Every structure is written in structure tokens, then in C-alpha cells.
């Protein structure tokens, strides 16, 4: 992979369009764009995993209801 590539900017109304070469493509459809002095910085939006999101949730204080209490007892089955 090359470290740099010269690209051309085009216009769409008031917007400038930058085509990102395939060797620089991000593995996501969303990026964060910000400018620092004369530099334009593009960073991928990294979505947290489901486990990371679940870890942020508060602990449940209540017990789960016993959903089996009204069911008939299981019968032994011989195979």
C-alpha cells in the first residue's frame, strides 16, 4: 500500500467531492471529518460491539419471574 496518492477534487453545487482511492478506503460507510489548520482529517466511525454496549447498561436489580411455575412437570422419556 502506498502512503500517499494525488487525487483530484470535483464540485457538486457548493460541495467539493473527493474520491478516495481503493487502497485508502475505510471499512465503514460513516466517517468523521474535521479540519486542523490547513489539514483535513478523515477518521472512520467505529461502532462499538454489542458486548461493549451491554457492558454499559446498569445491572438489573429484580429477579426474573419463574415462567415454568404453571407448567406440568416433565415426563421421563426413554429413548
PDB file of N, CA and C in Angstrom:
ATOM      1  N   UNK A   1       0.834  -1.179   0.000  1.00  0.00           N
ATOM      2  CA  UNK A   1       0.000   0.000   0.000  1.00  0.00           C
ATOM      3  C   UNK A   1       0.881   1.244   0.000  1.00  0.00           C
ATOM      4  N   UNK A   2       0.529   2.207  -0.828  1.00  0.00           N
ATOM      5  CA  UNK A   2       1.271   3.456  -0.882  1.00  0.00           C
ATOM      6  C   UNK A   2       0.872   4.341   0.302  1.00  0.00           C
ATOM      7  N   UNK A   3       1.783   5.227   0.709  1.00  0.00           N
ATOM      8  CA  UNK A   3       1.499   6.146   1.805  1.00  0.00           C
ATOM      9  C   UNK A   3       0.748   7.384   1.354  1.00  0.00           C
ATOM     10  N   UNK A   4       0.819   7.705   0.076  1.00  0.00           N
ATOM     11  CA  UNK A   4       0.133   8.898  -0.407  1.00  0.00           C
ATOM     12  C   UNK A   4      -0.296   8.703  -1.846  1.00  0.00           C
ATOM     13  N   UNK A   5      -1.268   9.510  -2.241  1.00  0.00           N
ATOM     14  CA  UNK A   5      -1.774   9.445  -3.601  1.00  0.00           C
ATOM     15  C   UNK A   5      -2.315  10.821  -3.965  1.00  0.00           C
ATOM     16  N   UNK A   6      -2.000  11.300  -5.159  1.00  0.00           N
ATOM     17  CA  UNK A   6      -2.522  12.576  -5.611  1.00  0.00           C
ATOM     18  C   UNK A   6      -3.897  12.331  -6.219  1.00  0.00           C
ATOM     19  N   UNK A   7      -4.895  13.085  -5.755  1.00  0.00           N
ATOM     20  CA  UNK A   7      -6.260  12.923  -6.252  1.00  0.00           C
ATOM     21  C   UNK A   7      -6.790  14.279  -6.695  1.00  0.00           C
ATOM     22  N   UNK A   8      -7.826  14.257  -7.499  1.00  0.00           N
ATOM     23  CA  UNK A   8      -8.452  15.479  -7.992  1.00  0.00           C
ATOM     24  C   UNK A   8      -9.758  15.709  -7.246  1.00  0.00           C
ATOM     25  N   UNK A   9     -10.049  16.957  -6.980  1.00  0.00           N
ATOM     26  CA  UNK A   9     -11.302  17.340  -6.359  1.00  0.00           C
ATOM     27  C   UNK A   9     -12.254  17.810  -7.444  1.00  0.00           C
ATOM     28  N   UNK A  10     -13.533  17.494  -7.297  1.00  0.00           N
ATOM     29  CA  UNK A  10     -14.544  17.990  -8.221  1.00  0.00           C
ATOM     30  C   UNK A  10     -15.626  18.704  -7.415  1.00  0.00           C
ATOM     31  N   UNK A  11     -16.571  19.299  -8.083  1.00  0.00           N
ATOM     32  CA  UNK A  11     -17.621  20.070  -7.415  1.00  0.00           C
ATOM     33  C   UNK A  11     -18.991  19.483  -7.702  1.00  0.00           C
ATOM     34  N   UNK A  12     -19.871  19.613  -6.711  1.00  0.00           N
ATOM     35  CA  UNK A  12     -21.284  19.288  -6.843  1.00  0.00           C
ATOM     36  C   UNK A  12     -22.029  20.419  -6.147  1.00  0.00           C
ATOM     37  N   UNK A  13     -22.394  21.437  -6.889  1.00  0.00           N
ATOM     38  CA  UNK A  13     -23.005  22.615  -6.282  1.00  0.00           C
ATOM     39  C   UNK A  13     -21.988  23.318  -5.400  1.00  0.00           C
ATOM     40  N   UNK A  14     -22.327  23.507  -4.129  1.00  0.00           N
ATOM     41  CA  UNK A  14     -21.413  24.151  -3.182  1.00  0.00           C
ATOM     42  C   UNK A  14     -20.457  23.163  -2.517  1.00  0.00           C
ATOM     43  N   UNK A  15     -20.605  21.884  -2.796  1.00  0.00           N
ATOM     44  CA  UNK A  15     -19.778  20.857  -2.143  1.00  0.00           C
ATOM     45  C   UNK A  15     -18.599  20.459  -3.020  1.00  0.00           C
ATOM     46  N   UNK A  16     -17.483  20.165  -2.372  1.00  0.00           N
ATOM     47  CA  UNK A  16     -16.334  19.580  -3.057  1.00  0.00           C
ATOM     48  C   UNK A  16     -16.414  18.074  -2.879  1.00  0.00           C
ATOM     49  N   UNK A  17     -16.043  17.359  -3.911  1.00  0.00           N
ATOM     50  CA  UNK A  17     -16.085  15.899  -3.873  1.00  0.00           C
ATOM     51  C   UNK A  17     -14.661  15.361  -3.941  1.00  0.00           C
ATOM     52  N   UNK A  18     -14.346  14.453  -3.049  1.00  0.00           N
ATOM     53  CA  UNK A  18     -13.048  13.783  -3.010  1.00  0.00           C
ATOM     54  C   UNK A  18     -13.290  12.302  -3.221  1.00  0.00           C
ATOM     55  N   UNK A  19     -12.688  11.739  -4.253  1.00  0.00           N
ATOM     56  CA  UNK A  19     -12.776  10.293  -4.478  1.00  0.00           C
ATOM     57  C   UNK A  19     -11.594   9.649  -3.784  1.00  0.00           C
ATOM     58  N   UNK A  20     -11.885   8.712  -2.904  1.00  0.00           N
ATOM     59  CA  UNK A  20     -10.837   8.046  -2.135  1.00  0.00           C
ATOM     60  C   UNK A  20     -10.381   6.807  -2.906  1.00  0.00           C
ATOM     61  N   UNK A  21      -9.093   6.720  -3.240  1.00  0.00           N
ATOM     62  CA  UNK A  21      -8.592   5.533  -3.947  1.00  0.00           C
ATOM     63  C   UNK A  21      -8.794   4.264  -3.115  1.00  0.00           C
ATOM     64  N   UNK A  22      -8.908   3.149  -3.796  1.00  0.00           N
ATOM     65  CA  UNK A  22      -9.244   1.884  -3.128  1.00  0.00           C
ATOM     66  C   UNK A  22      -8.257   1.510  -2.025  1.00  0.00           C
ATOM     67  N   UNK A  23      -6.988   1.858  -2.175  1.00  0.00           N
ATOM     68  CA  UNK A  23      -6.024   1.484  -1.126  1.00  0.00           C
ATOM     69  C   UNK A  23      -6.198   2.291   0.155  1.00  0.00           C
ATOM     70  N   UNK A  24      -7.018   3.345   0.102  1.00  0.00           N
ATOM     71  CA  UNK A  24      -7.273   4.167   1.284  1.00  0.00           C
ATOM     72  C   UNK A  24      -8.709   4.035   1.793  1.00  0.00           C
ATOM     73  N   UNK A  25      -9.489   3.154   1.208  1.00  0.00           N
ATOM     74  CA  UNK A  25     -10.893   3.036   1.593  1.00  0.00           C
ATOM     75  C   UNK A  25     -11.043   2.588   3.038  1.00  0.00           C
ATOM     76  N   UNK A  26     -12.120   3.068   3.657  1.00  0.00           N
ATOM     77  CA  UNK A  26     -12.447   2.707   5.037  1.00  0.00           C
ATOM     78  C   UNK A  26     -13.395   1.512   5.053  1.00  0.00           C
ATOM     79  N   UNK A  27     -13.351   0.709   6.103  1.00  0.00           N
ATOM     80  CA  UNK A  27     -14.245  -0.446   6.193  1.00  0.00           C
ATOM     81  C   UNK A  27     -15.619  -0.067   6.746  1.00  0.00           C
ATOM     82  N   UNK A  28     -16.039   1.177   6.539  1.00  0.00           N
ATOM     83  CA  UNK A  28     -17.317   1.657   7.059  1.00  0.00           C
ATOM     84  C   UNK A  28     -17.906   2.663   6.086  1.00  0.00           C
ATOM     85  N   UNK A  29     -19.186   2.965   6.253  1.00  0.00           N
ATOM     86  CA  UNK A  29     -19.832   3.958   5.396  1.00  0.00           C
ATOM     87  C   UNK A  29     -19.904   5.331   6.050  1.00  0.00           C
ATOM     88  N   UNK A  30     -19.482   5.441   7.298  1.00  0.00           N
ATOM     89  CA  UNK A  30     -19.512   6.707   8.015  1.00  0.00           C
ATOM     90  C   UNK A  30     -18.114   7.103   8.443  1.00  0.00           C
ATOM     91  N   UNK A  31     -17.805   8.385   8.298  1.00  0.00           N
ATOM     92  CA  UNK A  31     -16.527   8.916   8.754  1.00  0.00           C
ATOM     93  C   UNK A  31     -16.768  10.224   9.496  1.00  0.00           C
ATOM     94  N   UNK A  32     -15.804  10.608  10.302  1.00  0.00           N
ATOM     95  CA  UNK A  32     -15.809  11.908  10.959  1.00  0.00           C
ATOM     96  C   UNK A  32     -14.801  12.768  10.212  1.00  0.00           C
ATOM     97  N   UNK A  33     -15.217  13.957   9.850  1.00  0.00           N
ATOM     98  CA  UNK A  33     -14.381  14.869   9.081  1.00  0.00           C
ATOM     99  C   UNK A  33     -14.132  16.115   9.914  1.00  0.00           C
ATOM    100  N   UNK A  34     -12.861  16.472  10.097  1.00  0.00           N
ATOM    101  CA  UNK A  34     -12.550  17.726  10.784  1.00  0.00           C
ATOM    102  C   UNK A  34     -11.290  18.337  10.210  1.00  0.00           C
ATOM    103  N   UNK A  35     -11.163  19.629  10.449  1.00  0.00           N
ATOM    104  CA  UNK A  35     -10.056  20.379   9.867  1.00  0.00           C
ATOM    105  C   UNK A  35      -9.171  20.907  10.982  1.00  0.00           C
ATOM    106  N   UNK A  36      -7.872  20.702  10.835  1.00  0.00           N
ATOM    107  CA  UNK A  36      -6.880  21.235  11.767  1.00  0.00           C
ATOM    108  C   UNK A  36      -5.903  22.067  10.958  1.00  0.00           C
ATOM    109  N   UNK A  37      -5.980  23.381  11.132  1.00  0.00           N
ATOM    110  CA  UNK A  37      -5.181  24.321  10.348  1.00  0.00           C
ATOM    111  C   UNK A  37      -5.450  24.092   8.863  1.00  0.00           C
ATOM    112  N   UNK A  38      -4.442  23.736   8.089  1.00  0.00           N
ATOM    113  CA  UNK A  38      -4.633  23.501   6.656  1.00  0.00           C
ATOM    114  C   UNK A  38      -4.846  22.021   6.323  1.00  0.00           C
ATOM    115  N   UNK A  39      -5.033  21.176   7.340  1.00  0.00           N
ATOM    116  CA  UNK A  39      -5.164  19.733   7.121  1.00  0.00           C
ATOM    117  C   UNK A  39      -6.605  19.289   7.309  1.00  0.00           C
ATOM    118  N   UNK A  40      -7.062  18.458   6.405  1.00  0.00           N
ATOM    119  CA  UNK A  40      -8.378  17.850   6.504  1.00  0.00           C
ATOM    120  C   UNK A  40      -8.185  16.428   7.001  1.00  0.00           C
ATOM    121  N   UNK A  41      -8.808  16.100   8.112  1.00  0.00           N
ATOM    122  CA  UNK A  41      -8.632  14.790   8.744  1.00  0.00           C
ATOM    123  C   UNK A  41      -9.923  13.976   8.575  1.00  0.00           C
ATOM    124  N   UNK A  42      -9.791  12.762   8.086  1.00  0.00           N
ATOM    125  CA  UNK A  42     -10.926  11.852   7.898  1.00  0.00           C
ATOM    126  C   UNK A  42     -10.681  10.629   8.768  1.00  0.00           C
ATOM    127  N   UNK A  43     -11.611  10.356   9.673  1.00  0.00           N
ATOM    128  CA  UNK A  43     -11.476   9.202  10.569  1.00  0.00           C
ATOM    129  C   UNK A  43     -12.711   8.318  10.459  1.00  0.00           C
ATOM    130  N   UNK A  44     -12.536   7.008  10.429  1.00  0.00           N
ATOM    131  CA  UNK A  44     -13.705   6.121  10.371  1.00  0.00           C
ATOM    132  C   UNK A  44     -14.488   6.170  11.674  1.00  0.00           C
ATOM    133  N   UNK A  45     -15.800   6.054  11.564  1.00  0.00           N
ATOM    134  CA  UNK A  45     -16.652   5.927  12.751  1.00  0.00           C
ATOM    135  C   UNK A  45     -16.622   4.455  13.137  1.00  0.00           C
ATOM    136  N   UNK A  46     -16.119   4.190  14.319  1.00  0.00           N
ATOM    137  CA  UNK A  46     -16.034   2.812  14.804  1.00  0.00           C
ATOM    138  C   UNK A  46     -17.200   2.583  15.750  1.00  0.00           C
ATOM    139  N   UNK A  47     -18.100   1.725  15.345  1.00  0.00           N
ATOM    140  CA  UNK A  47     -19.265   1.425  16.172  1.00  0.00           C
ATOM    141  C   UNK A  47     -18.868   0.378  17.202  1.00  0.00           C
ATOM    142  N   UNK A  48     -19.305   0.568  18.454  1.00  0.00           N
ATOM    143  CA  UNK A  48     -18.951  -0.400  19.489  1.00  0.00           C
ATOM    144  C   UNK A  48     -19.644  -1.740  19.257  1.00  0.00           C
ATOM    145  N   UNK A  49     -19.020  -2.788  19.726  1.00  0.00           N
ATOM    146  CA  UNK A  49     -19.620  -4.119  19.596  1.00  0.00           C
ATOM    147  C   UNK A  49     -20.826  -4.228  20.527  1.00  0.00           C
ATOM    148  N   UNK A  50     -21.661  -5.219  20.296  1.00  0.00           N
ATOM    149  CA  UNK A  50     -22.823  -5.436  21.150  1.00  0.00           C
ATOM    150  C   UNK A  50     -22.392  -5.685  22.593  1.00  0.00           C
ATOM    151  N   UNK A  51     -21.318  -6.440  22.794  1.00  0.00           N
ATOM    152  CA  UNK A  51     -20.841  -6.698  24.156  1.00  0.00           C
ATOM    153  C   UNK A  51     -20.413  -5.407  24.843  1.00  0.00           C
ATOM    154  N   UNK A  52     -19.765  -4.499  24.116  1.00  0.00           N
ATOM    155  CA  UNK A  52     -19.346  -3.226  24.700  1.00  0.00           C
ATOM    156  C   UNK A  52     -20.563  -2.398  25.106  1.00  0.00           C
ATOM    157  N   UNK A  53     -21.606  -2.417  24.292  1.00  0.00           N
ATOM    158  CA  UNK A  53     -22.823  -1.678  24.626  1.00  0.00           C
ATOM    159  C   UNK A  53     -23.496  -2.301  25.847  1.00  0.00           C
ATOM    160  N   UNK A  54     -23.583  -3.629  25.882  1.00  0.00           N
ATOM    161  CA  UNK A  54     -24.227  -4.305  27.014  1.00  0.00           C
ATOM    162  C   UNK A  54     -23.492  -4.048  28.327  1.00  0.00           C
ATOM    163  N   UNK A  55     -22.174  -3.903  28.262  1.00  0.00           N
ATOM    164  CA  UNK A  55     -21.395  -3.625  29.475  1.00  0.00           C
ATOM    165  C   UNK A  55     -21.703  -2.259  30.063  1.00  0.00           C
ATOM    166  N   UNK A  56     -22.222  -1.341  29.263  1.00  0.00           N
ATOM    167  CA  UNK A  56     -22.536  -0.001  29.757  1.00  0.00           C
ATOM    168  C   UNK A  56     -23.907   0.068  30.427  1.00  0.00           C
ATOM    169  N   UNK A  57     -24.735  -0.963  30.235  1.00  0.00           N
ATOM    170  CA  UNK A  57     -26.076  -0.954  30.822  1.00  0.00           C
ATOM    171  C   UNK A  57     -26.011  -1.238  32.322  1.00  0.00           C
ATOM    172  N   UNK A  58     -26.919  -0.633  33.102  1.00  0.00           N
ATOM    173  CA  UNK A  58     -26.922  -0.894  34.548  1.00  0.00           C
ATOM    174  C   UNK A  58     -27.374  -2.321  34.851  1.00  0.00           C
ATOM    175  N   UNK A  59     -26.927  -2.828  35.982  1.00  0.00           N
ATOM    176  CA  UNK A  59     -27.319  -4.177  36.417  1.00  0.00           C
ATOM    177  C   UNK A  59     -28.805  -4.189  36.770  1.00  0.00           C
ATOM    178  N   UNK A  60     -29.477  -5.296  36.456  1.00  0.00           N
ATOM    179  CA  UNK A  60     -30.883  -5.446  36.841  1.00  0.00           C
ATOM    180  C   UNK A  60     -30.956  -5.825  38.322  1.00  0.00           C
ATOM    181  N   UNK A  61     -31.815  -5.149  39.049  1.00  0.00           N
ATOM    182  CA  UNK A  61     -31.949  -5.414  40.483  1.00  0.00           C
ATOM    183  C   UNK A  61     -33.031  -6.441  40.790  1.00  0.00           C
ATOM    184  N   UNK A  62     -33.995  -6.603  39.890  1.00  0.00           N
ATOM    185  CA  UNK A  62     -35.105  -7.510  40.163  1.00  0.00           C
ATOM    186  C   UNK A  62     -34.819  -8.901  39.614  1.00  0.00           C
ATOM    187  N   UNK A  63     -35.430  -9.895  40.222  1.00  0.00           N
ATOM    188  CA  UNK A  63     -35.290 -11.265  39.760  1.00  0.00           C
ATOM    189  C   UNK A  63     -36.216 -11.504  38.574  1.00  0.00           C
ATOM    190  N   UNK A  64     -35.813 -12.414  37.715  1.00  0.00           N
ATOM    191  CA  UNK A  64     -36.677 -12.778  36.611  1.00  0.00           C
ATOM    192  C   UNK A  64     -37.811 -13.649  37.143  1.00  0.00           C
ATOM    193  N   UNK A  65     -39.002 -13.492  36.577  1.00  0.00           N
ATOM    194  CA  UNK A  65     -40.124 -14.318  37.044  1.00  0.00           C
ATOM    195  C   UNK A  65     -39.917 -15.781  36.663  1.00  0.00           C
ATOM    196  N   UNK A  66     -40.505 -16.661  37.455  1.00  0.00           N
ATOM    197  CA  UNK A  66     -40.424 -18.091  37.177  1.00  0.00           C
ATOM    198  C   UNK A  66     -41.502 -18.422  36.152  1.00  0.00           C
ATOM    199  N   UNK A  67     -41.132 -18.520  34.904  1.00  0.00           N
ATOM    200  CA  UNK A  67     -42.103 -18.745  33.836  1.00  0.00           C
ATOM    201  C   UNK A  67     -42.549 -20.203  33.763  1.00  0.00           C
ATOM    202  N   UNK A  68     -41.852 -21.083  34.450  1.00  0.00           N
ATOM    203  CA  UNK A  68     -42.205 -22.509  34.410  1.00  0.00           C
ATOM    204  C   UNK A  68     -43.150 -22.920  35.537  1.00  0.00           C
ATOM    205  N   UNK A  69     -43.481 -22.059  36.439  1.00  0.00           N
ATOM    206  CA  UNK A  69     -44.224 -22.485  37.631  1.00  0.00           C
ATOM    207  C   UNK A  69     -45.616 -23.014  37.331  1.00  0.00           C
ATOM    208  N   UNK A  70     -46.251 -22.603  36.256  1.00  0.00           N
ATOM    209  CA  UNK A  70     -47.602 -23.086  35.930  1.00  0.00           C
ATOM    210  C   UNK A  70     -47.585 -24.271  34.973  1.00  0.00           C
ATOM    211  N   UNK A  71     -46.436 -24.714  34.544  1.00  0.00           N
ATOM    212  CA  UNK A  71     -46.346 -25.836  33.623  1.00  0.00           C
ATOM    213  C   UNK A  71     -46.421 -27.161  34.371  1.00  0.00           C
ATOM    214  N   UNK A  72     -46.914 -28.155  33.691  1.00  0.00           N
ATOM    215  CA  UNK A  72     -46.922 -29.508  34.258  1.00  0.00           C
ATOM    216  C   UNK A  72     -45.499 -30.030  34.359  1.00  0.00           C
ATOM    217  N   UNK A  73     -45.257 -30.921  35.320  1.00  0.00           N
ATOM    218  CA  UNK A  73     -43.895 -31.472  35.427  1.00  0.00           C
ATOM    219  C   UNK A  73     -43.534 -32.260  34.154  1.00  0.00           C
ATOM    220  N   UNK A  74     -42.275 -32.294  33.849  1.00  0.00           N
ATOM    221  CA  UNK A  74     -41.810 -33.033  32.680  1.00  0.00           C
ATOM    222  C   UNK A  74     -41.917 -34.532  32.917  1.00  0.00           C
ATOM    223  N   UNK A  75     -42.263 -35.253  31.874  1.00  0.00           N
ATOM    224  CA  UNK A  75     -42.327 -36.709  31.974  1.00  0.00           C
ATOM    225  C   UNK A  75     -41.027 -37.304  31.476  1.00  0.00           C
ATOM    226  N   UNK A  76     -40.596 -38.362  32.117  1.00  0.00           N
ATOM    227  CA  UNK A  76     -39.396 -39.068  31.683  1.00  0.00           C
ATOM    228  C   UNK A  76     -39.678 -39.770  30.363  1.00  0.00           C
ATOM    229  N   UNK A  77     -38.779 -39.648  29.419  1.00  0.00           N
ATOM    230  CA  UNK A  77     -38.909 -40.299  28.124  1.00  0.00           C
ATOM    231  C   UNK A  77     -37.725 -41.220  27.935  1.00  0.00           C
ATOM    232  N   UNK A  78     -38.036 -42.481  27.571  1.00  0.00           N
ATOM    233  CA  UNK A  78     -36.961 -43.429  27.290  1.00  0.00           C
ATOM    234  C   UNK A  78     -36.699 -43.460  25.801  1.00  0.00           C
ATOM    235  N   UNK A  79     -35.428 -43.396  25.457  1.00  0.00           N
ATOM    236  CA  UNK A  79     -35.065 -43.432  24.027  1.00  0.00           C
ATOM    237  C   UNK A  79     -34.553 -44.786  23.633  1.00  0.00           C
TER     238      UNK A  79
END
